[in-house]
Every structure is written in structure tokens, then in C-alpha cells.
Amino acid sequence: MTHRPLLQVLSGQTLSPPPVWLMRQAGRYLPEYRAVRAEQPDFIAFCLNPQAAAEVTLQPIRRYGFDASIVFADILLIPHAMGQKVWFEKGEGPRLSPMSLEQLAALKPEGAAKRLSAVCETLTRVRAGLPETCTLIGFAGAPWTVATYMIEGGGSKDRWKARTAAWSEPGMMDRLLANLADSTADYLIEQAKSGADVLKLFESWAEGLPAPLFDRVVIAPTRRIVQRVRAAGITAPIIGFPKGAGPHYPRYAAETGIDAIATDHGLDTGWAVNNLPASMPVQGQLDPAVLRAGGAALQSEVRRLLDAWAGRPYVFNLGHGINPDVPPDHVSELLAHIRG
């Protein structure tokens, strides 16, 4: 049987060196990615083009030999599939058509996963092109994060409209989150059936929520997804990434049903080592800015994290996605430091 280091760690084993992959490893820092992107009419069409999406998913594996490959897609494909118009403005990021909370809550989850079958085809293509030792990761945005984009009409620094709606119209917000949870679970189920060995939930906007709201809009919908995926017979490990959750991290780890937890670079490492479940695999923590800096700073941070997480199941990764201005050679440098 072929061993896949990431799957070994996610099953609770400790490996030295640990497996490594990077969030957004297929992206604008790579010239070969930019060449493919230039040929696509728009970003959503790019994500739903299995041939092009599979190519950019495989590019960083060919270049660096990461231990895992994450399918090229986007967390906003779910609202697109549910009926909200989504597009990307150059230099500004995602935009979503204005809709009231009542309209958003009325969007139905049924059929959304089937409308994203192109992503499943991408997974099948990628699986056929990967080395046997490389793990394939499927993913989706978690409901609260996706809902904030849907309500705000794009990215937002403080998610003011979404947070206000969660407090002032809890019934409507809970309905939207439940619908998003069901469509997301169905989407992840199809990804697993199409070749994904691991599933990941990106809760990119978990920061700044008081405990009662965090429980309602982050923990409860995530738990609903995990339960629905498991009820469908899918056993693939699920990684949860509640970026910026701070002291809520241990509760998220304990109450959502996830198998592994991804940590951001703002989370104190010593605190995380002492407060996260000792048996739970942990991923992440390297500041993307230190990868941009390279040199002695990068080497020092790699060593610090390897020492801090030694003796525990750990996956080396960034605390957020790789930035477009990172020199590709710095990624090679990172891997040399880790693999020694």
C-alpha cells in the first residue's frame, strides 16, 4: 500500500519532517499559473473549466513536490450555484449581486452541488495526474464566511451588515446558514466521491465574534456539515480552519466534529500547543510575510514551528494563503528548510 504522509498525520501519526503544502499554492506567484489565467474569460469560468483548473492544480506539485494538492476552485462557487450572481473585479476582488437577507435565505440548497460538477471533474483529472504519495484535498467555504460575502456584496473589513443581521434577524440568518451548510455538505460529498482524500472548510472570517455569536454562526453550521457528510458514508478526514478565532479555537476543535484543525499565524504557538487537543492533528502557523522575506528570518521561523510542534501530529503550512508577490524560489527555500 502506498503511504501518503498527509493522510498518515491526519490519522494521528507524527512524522519528521512533517508533510507540507501551502494554502493558495496554485496562484499568482507562479508564472505558469498566470499564463493559464490569461487565457480564461473570467475567474468563475476559470474555476469551472476542468482542463484549466486541473492544470493549475498540478503545477505546484510538478514544481515543488508538495505532499498534498488542493483543487483549484473558490469558496464563492456555492452562492453562484445557489443563484446569486458572483463576479470578480480586477484589482478589487469578488462582487455579489445585491439581495436582501430574506431573498438570500430563500435560496434553495437543492441542486447546487450538481451545478458544480465541473469541480468534481477537475478532481478526477487531478487525481489521475498526481503521484501516488500525494494527497488530494477538496474544499469549500464555511457557511458564516460565505454568508458574509453574500450579505455584504463582497469582501468587508468588519462584516458589519452580516453581524448586525445575525443579531437583529436571527431566524432569517440561521435559515441562510442552514441552507448554506446543506449545499456545502452535498458539494463536499460529491468532491469525496470524485477523488478527494481530504476535505477542508475555510472559515476565513471567524475573527471578532463574541462567544454566543461564534457558537451560532460558526460552530453550529460546521457541525451540521460534518454530520451530513458522515451520514452519507464519507470517511475522508475533515480539516477546519477558523481563521482569527483566537480563544474560540479549542471549542471549535471539540464541538464541530472536525478531524484536524488549521491554525493562523496570529495564534500564539505556545498557547495553541497547550490548549488544542493533544491528539488532534494541527496544521499551519507560518506567517506568509516571512515566506516573502525569505533568508534567515524564514529559516528561524521554520525551526521555531518544527520545534514547537515536535512530537505531535503536525502539517506544515502557512497561517493564511500565499501572497502573489512571494518569489517562487522562496518556496523552494522553505521546503529545503523543512525537509533538511
Protein backbone atom coordinates (compact mmCIF):
# COMPACT_ATOMS: atom_id res chain seq x y z
CA MET A 1 0.00 0.00 0.00
CA THR A 2 1.32 3.46 -0.93
CA HIS A 3 1.82 5.77 2.04
CA ARG A 4 0.59 9.35 1.81
CA PRO A 5 2.30 11.45 4.52
CA LEU A 6 -0.60 13.88 4.94
CA LEU A 7 -3.09 11.07 5.48
CA GLN A 8 -0.71 9.46 7.97
CA VAL A 9 -0.57 12.64 10.04
CA LEU A 10 -4.32 13.21 9.80
CA SER A 11 -4.78 9.70 11.20
CA GLY A 12 -2.78 10.76 14.27
CA GLN A 13 0.78 9.79 13.37
CA THR A 14 3.76 12.07 13.99
CA LEU A 15 6.22 12.38 11.10
CA SER A 16 9.60 14.07 10.94
CA PRO A 17 9.86 16.00 8.74
CA PRO A 18 6.13 16.73 8.64
CA PRO A 19 4.15 16.78 5.40
CA VAL A 20 3.92 20.20 3.78
CA TRP A 21 1.61 22.03 1.41
CA LEU A 22 0.61 25.70 1.16
CA MET A 23 -2.77 27.37 1.04
CA ARG A 24 -3.26 29.03 -2.38
CA GLN A 25 -0.23 27.12 -3.65
CA ALA A 26 -1.72 27.28 -7.16
CA GLY A 27 -1.81 31.01 -7.70
CA ARG A 28 -0.49 34.29 -8.99
CA TYR A 29 3.03 33.91 -7.59
CA LEU A 30 3.68 31.26 -10.27
CA PRO A 31 4.35 32.42 -13.85
CA GLU A 32 2.86 29.22 -15.24
CA TYR A 33 -0.39 29.97 -13.38
CA ARG A 34 -0.52 33.50 -14.78
CA ALA A 35 -0.09 32.11 -18.30
CA VAL A 36 -3.14 29.86 -17.93
CA ARG A 37 -5.17 32.57 -16.17
CA ALA A 38 -4.56 35.00 -19.05
CA GLU A 39 -6.42 32.63 -21.38
CA GLN A 40 -9.61 32.48 -19.26
CA PRO A 41 -12.57 34.83 -19.89
CA ASP A 42 -13.30 35.39 -16.18
CA PHE A 43 -12.46 33.86 -12.82
CA ILE A 44 -15.68 31.88 -12.29
CA ALA A 45 -15.35 30.39 -15.79
CA PHE A 46 -11.74 29.53 -14.93
CA CYS A 47 -12.81 27.66 -11.78
CA LEU A 48 -15.45 25.75 -13.76
CA ASN A 49 -13.09 24.78 -16.61
CA PRO A 50 -11.87 21.30 -15.57
CA GLN A 51 -8.97 21.21 -18.00
CA ALA A 52 -7.56 24.61 -16.96
CA ALA A 53 -8.34 24.14 -13.26
CA ALA A 54 -6.66 20.72 -13.23
CA GLU A 55 -3.59 22.15 -14.94
CA VAL A 56 -3.05 24.89 -12.34
CA THR A 57 -3.80 22.46 -9.51
CA LEU A 58 -0.98 20.22 -10.73
CA GLN A 59 1.53 23.00 -11.44
CA PRO A 60 2.87 23.43 -7.88
CA ILE A 61 3.12 19.64 -7.47
CA ARG A 62 5.30 19.41 -10.55
CA ARG A 63 7.43 22.35 -9.47
CA TYR A 64 7.82 21.62 -5.75
CA GLY A 65 6.64 18.10 -4.94
CA PHE A 66 4.28 19.10 -2.12
CA ASP A 67 2.73 16.30 -0.07
CA ALA A 68 -0.78 17.48 -0.91
CA SER A 69 -2.62 19.08 -3.79
CA ILE A 70 -5.70 21.23 -3.18
CA VAL A 71 -8.19 21.56 -6.02
CA PHE A 72 -8.28 24.94 -7.73
CA ALA A 73 -11.70 26.45 -7.08
CA ASP A 74 -13.20 29.25 -4.97
CA ILE A 75 -15.31 29.50 -1.82
CA LEU A 76 -17.89 31.65 -3.65
CA LEU A 77 -18.91 28.92 -6.09
CA ILE A 78 -21.69 27.91 -3.68
CA PRO A 79 -23.60 31.22 -3.84
CA HIS A 80 -23.04 31.18 -7.60
CA ALA A 81 -24.61 27.70 -7.76
CA MET A 82 -27.48 28.72 -5.47
CA GLY A 83 -28.47 31.60 -7.73
CA GLN A 84 -26.67 34.75 -6.60
CA LYS A 85 -24.61 36.43 -9.30
CA VAL A 86 -20.88 36.38 -8.50
CA TRP A 87 -18.10 38.06 -10.43
CA PHE A 88 -14.56 39.32 -9.81
CA GLU A 89 -13.46 42.90 -10.45
CA LYS A 90 -9.82 43.21 -11.47
CA GLY A 91 -7.80 44.63 -8.61
CA GLU A 92 -10.81 44.72 -6.28
CA GLY A 93 -11.86 41.14 -5.65
CA PRO A 94 -15.25 39.41 -5.56
CA ARG A 95 -18.59 41.12 -6.10
CA LEU A 96 -22.04 39.62 -5.49
CA SER A 97 -25.37 40.99 -6.70
CA PRO A 98 -27.34 42.89 -4.03
CA MET A 99 -30.03 40.77 -2.37
CA SER A 100 -31.94 41.20 0.87
CA LEU A 101 -31.41 38.75 3.72
CA GLU A 102 -34.94 37.43 3.08
CA GLN A 103 -34.08 36.79 -0.58
CA LEU A 104 -30.81 35.10 0.36
CA ALA A 105 -32.49 32.90 2.96
CA ALA A 106 -34.99 31.80 0.30
CA LEU A 107 -32.26 30.44 -2.00
CA LYS A 108 -32.56 26.66 -2.05
CA PRO A 109 -29.64 24.31 -1.40
CA GLU A 110 -31.06 21.52 -3.57
CA GLY A 111 -29.16 21.03 -6.80
CA ALA A 112 -26.32 23.44 -6.01
CA ALA A 113 -23.75 20.64 -5.73
CA LYS A 114 -24.78 19.18 -9.09
CA ARG A 115 -24.34 22.58 -10.71
CA LEU A 116 -20.71 22.43 -9.58
CA SER A 117 -19.98 19.07 -11.20
CA ALA A 118 -17.14 20.73 -13.14
CA VAL A 119 -15.15 20.93 -9.90
CA CYS A 120 -15.67 17.20 -9.41
CA GLU A 121 -14.38 16.59 -12.93
CA THR A 122 -11.33 18.68 -12.04
CA LEU A 123 -10.71 16.47 -9.02
CA THR A 124 -10.93 13.33 -11.14
CA ARG A 125 -8.44 14.77 -13.64
CA VAL A 126 -6.05 15.85 -10.89
CA ARG A 127 -6.20 12.52 -9.10
CA ALA A 128 -5.13 10.80 -12.33
CA GLY A 129 -2.15 13.14 -12.66
CA LEU A 130 -0.84 13.06 -9.09
CA PRO A 131 1.99 10.95 -7.71
CA GLU A 132 0.67 8.10 -5.57
CA THR A 133 2.18 9.62 -2.43
CA CYS A 134 0.38 12.95 -2.91
CA THR A 135 -2.91 13.55 -1.08
CA LEU A 136 -5.75 15.32 -2.89
CA ILE A 137 -7.73 17.92 -0.93
CA GLY A 138 -11.22 19.15 -1.74
CA PHE A 139 -12.64 22.20 -0.02
CA ALA A 140 -15.44 24.68 0.47
CA GLY A 141 -16.06 27.91 2.32
CA ALA A 142 -17.78 27.54 5.67
CA PRO A 143 -21.33 28.96 5.88
CA TRP A 144 -20.66 32.06 8.00
CA THR A 145 -17.80 33.23 5.78
CA VAL A 146 -19.78 32.62 2.59
CA ALA A 147 -22.84 34.33 4.10
CA THR A 148 -20.81 37.46 4.90
CA TYR A 149 -19.88 37.82 1.23
CA MET A 150 -23.47 37.23 0.17
CA ILE A 151 -24.83 39.86 2.56
CA GLU A 152 -22.07 42.45 2.15
CA GLY A 153 -21.93 42.06 -1.65
CA GLY A 154 -18.19 41.38 -1.47
CA GLY A 155 -15.33 41.44 1.00
CA SER A 156 -15.67 43.56 4.14
CA LYS A 157 -13.22 44.57 6.85
CA ASP A 158 -15.64 44.20 9.75
CA ARG A 159 -18.63 42.25 8.27
CA TRP A 160 -20.87 44.92 9.80
CA LYS A 161 -24.02 44.14 7.81
CA ALA A 162 -23.69 40.40 8.39
CA ARG A 163 -23.01 40.74 12.11
CA THR A 164 -25.91 43.16 12.54
CA ALA A 165 -28.23 40.82 10.64
CA ALA A 166 -27.15 37.87 12.80
CA TRP A 167 -28.23 39.78 15.92
CA SER A 168 -31.32 41.56 14.57
CA GLU A 169 -32.78 38.82 12.35
CA PRO A 170 -31.55 35.56 13.91
CA GLY A 171 -34.25 33.37 12.39
CA MET A 172 -33.53 34.53 8.86
CA MET A 173 -29.78 34.31 9.35
CA ASP A 174 -30.00 30.81 10.82
CA ARG A 175 -32.08 29.74 7.82
CA LEU A 176 -29.49 31.08 5.38
CA LEU A 177 -26.67 29.36 7.30
CA ALA A 178 -28.59 26.06 7.39
CA ASN A 179 -29.19 26.21 3.63
CA LEU A 180 -25.53 27.00 3.04
CA ALA A 181 -24.48 24.16 5.34
CA ASP A 182 -26.63 21.65 3.44
CA SER A 183 -25.47 22.75 -0.01
CA THR A 184 -21.85 22.81 1.18
CA ALA A 185 -22.11 19.33 2.69
CA ASP A 186 -23.58 17.96 -0.54
CA TYR A 187 -20.78 19.64 -2.51
CA LEU A 188 -18.11 18.10 -0.25
CA ILE A 189 -19.75 14.68 -0.52
CA GLU A 190 -19.50 14.88 -4.31
CA GLN A 191 -15.88 16.01 -4.07
CA ALA A 192 -15.03 12.99 -1.92
CA LYS A 193 -16.77 10.68 -4.38
CA SER A 194 -14.71 12.27 -7.18
CA GLY A 195 -11.33 11.53 -5.63
CA ALA A 196 -10.70 13.96 -2.76
CA ASP A 197 -8.84 12.15 0.04
CA VAL A 198 -9.29 15.03 2.50
CA LEU A 199 -11.90 17.80 2.83
CA LYS A 200 -11.28 21.28 4.20
CA LEU A 201 -13.61 24.02 5.43
CA PHE A 202 -12.35 27.59 5.19
CA GLU A 203 -13.89 29.82 7.86
CA SER A 204 -11.91 32.86 6.77
CA TRP A 205 -13.95 35.39 8.78
CA ALA A 206 -14.12 33.75 12.21
CA GLU A 207 -12.36 36.73 13.77
CA GLY A 208 -14.04 39.25 16.07
CA LEU A 209 -17.12 37.25 17.08
CA PRO A 210 -18.29 37.11 20.71
CA ALA A 211 -18.83 33.60 22.07
CA PRO A 212 -22.65 33.42 21.67
CA LEU A 213 -22.43 34.52 18.04
CA PHE A 214 -19.44 32.28 17.33
CA ASP A 215 -21.39 29.29 18.63
CA ARG A 216 -24.41 30.11 16.45
CA VAL A 217 -22.85 31.15 13.17
CA VAL A 218 -19.58 29.17 13.14
CA ILE A 219 -19.76 26.08 15.33
CA ALA A 220 -23.38 25.04 14.68
CA PRO A 221 -23.28 25.22 10.84
CA THR A 222 -19.89 23.50 10.74
CA ARG A 223 -21.18 20.69 12.93
CA ARG A 224 -24.22 20.37 10.64
CA ILE A 225 -21.90 19.96 7.62
CA VAL A 226 -19.73 17.33 9.31
CA GLN A 227 -22.77 15.34 10.43
CA ARG A 228 -24.32 15.42 6.96
CA VAL A 229 -21.06 14.35 5.31
CA ARG A 230 -20.61 11.47 7.76
CA ALA A 231 -24.26 10.40 7.35
CA ALA A 232 -23.56 9.99 3.62
CA GLY A 233 -20.84 7.44 4.44
CA ILE A 234 -17.90 9.72 3.66
CA THR A 235 -14.94 8.95 5.93
CA ALA A 236 -12.37 11.37 4.49
CA PRO A 237 -10.68 13.46 7.20
CA ILE A 238 -12.10 16.98 7.55
CA ILE A 239 -9.83 19.93 8.35
CA GLY A 240 -11.43 23.03 9.84
CA PHE A 241 -9.80 26.46 9.55
CA PRO A 242 -11.47 29.11 11.75
CA LYS A 243 -9.03 31.91 10.91
CA GLY A 244 -8.74 34.51 13.65
CA ALA A 245 -10.87 32.54 16.13
CA GLY A 246 -8.33 33.05 18.93
CA PRO A 247 -9.62 31.68 22.26
CA HIS A 248 -12.55 30.03 20.47
CA TYR A 249 -10.16 27.56 18.77
CA PRO A 250 -10.36 24.79 21.43
CA ARG A 251 -14.17 24.88 21.48
CA TYR A 252 -14.29 24.80 17.70
CA ALA A 253 -11.96 21.77 17.73
CA ALA A 254 -14.01 19.96 20.35
CA GLU A 255 -17.56 20.72 19.22
CA THR A 256 -17.66 20.72 15.41
CA GLY A 257 -16.66 17.11 14.75
CA ILE A 258 -13.65 18.00 12.58
CA ASP A 259 -10.66 15.66 12.47
CA ALA A 260 -7.86 18.25 12.23
CA ILE A 261 -7.51 21.98 12.79
CA ALA A 262 -5.66 24.59 10.76
CA THR A 263 -4.22 27.50 12.72
CA ASP A 264 -3.49 31.06 11.63
CA HIS A 265 -0.23 32.94 12.16
CA GLY A 266 -1.79 35.31 14.71
CA LEU A 267 -2.46 32.47 17.16
CA ASP A 268 0.19 32.22 19.88
CA THR A 269 2.05 28.97 19.28
CA GLY A 270 2.71 28.16 22.94
CA TRP A 271 -0.93 28.80 23.82
CA ALA A 272 -2.07 26.61 20.93
CA VAL A 273 0.23 23.75 21.94
CA ASN A 274 -1.17 23.86 25.48
CA ASN A 275 -4.85 24.40 24.65
CA LEU A 276 -5.65 22.46 21.48
CA PRO A 277 -6.49 18.75 21.95
CA ALA A 278 -3.17 16.89 22.22
CA SER A 279 -4.28 14.10 19.89
CA MET A 280 -5.76 16.35 17.20
CA PRO A 281 -3.61 16.94 14.10
CA VAL A 282 -2.68 20.60 13.70
CA GLN A 283 -1.77 22.47 10.52
CA GLY A 284 -0.30 25.87 9.74
CA GLN A 285 1.00 28.95 11.58
CA LEU A 286 3.80 30.21 9.30
CA ASP A 287 3.31 33.93 8.57
CA PRO A 288 3.03 34.41 4.77
CA ALA A 289 5.08 37.60 5.18
CA VAL A 290 8.10 35.66 6.43
CA LEU A 291 7.88 33.47 3.34
CA ARG A 292 8.03 36.69 1.32
CA ALA A 293 11.05 37.84 3.36
CA GLY A 294 12.98 34.59 3.00
CA GLY A 295 16.53 34.17 4.25
CA ALA A 296 17.46 33.91 7.93
CA ALA A 297 14.02 35.03 9.13
CA LEU A 298 12.33 32.22 7.23
CA GLN A 299 14.81 29.64 8.46
CA SER A 300 14.34 30.78 12.07
CA GLU A 301 10.53 30.63 11.88
CA VAL A 302 10.57 27.19 10.28
CA ARG A 303 12.79 25.90 13.05
CA ARG A 304 10.63 27.52 15.75
CA LEU A 305 7.47 25.86 14.46
CA LEU A 306 9.08 22.48 13.91
CA ASP A 307 10.41 22.55 17.47
CA ALA A 308 7.12 23.76 18.95
CA TRP A 309 5.02 21.04 17.31
CA ALA A 310 7.58 18.21 17.58
CA GLY A 311 6.11 15.02 18.97
CA ARG A 312 2.59 15.86 17.77
CA PRO A 313 0.76 15.18 14.50
CA TYR A 314 1.59 18.36 12.55
CA VAL A 315 1.21 19.51 8.95
CA PHE A 316 3.48 22.36 7.89
CA ASN A 317 1.57 25.16 6.18
CA LEU A 318 1.04 28.89 6.17
CA GLY A 319 -1.27 30.69 8.57
CA HIS A 320 -3.14 32.02 5.52
CA GLY A 321 -2.76 31.88 1.74
CA ILE A 322 0.47 32.53 -0.13
CA ASN A 323 0.74 36.10 -1.43
CA PRO A 324 1.14 36.89 -5.16
CA ASP A 325 4.44 38.75 -4.58
CA VAL A 326 6.24 35.77 -3.00
CA PRO A 327 9.26 34.78 -5.14
CA PRO A 328 8.87 31.15 -6.24
CA ASP A 329 12.44 30.47 -5.11
CA HIS A 330 11.42 31.26 -1.54
CA VAL A 331 9.03 28.30 -1.64
CA SER A 332 11.92 26.05 -2.69
CA GLU A 333 13.92 27.54 0.20
CA LEU A 334 11.06 26.78 2.59
CA LEU A 335 10.92 23.14 1.52
CA ALA A 336 14.69 22.81 1.89
CA HIS A 337 14.47 24.11 5.47
CA ILE A 338 11.63 21.72 6.34
CA ARG A 339 12.99 18.64 4.66
CA GLY A 340 16.60 19.38 5.58
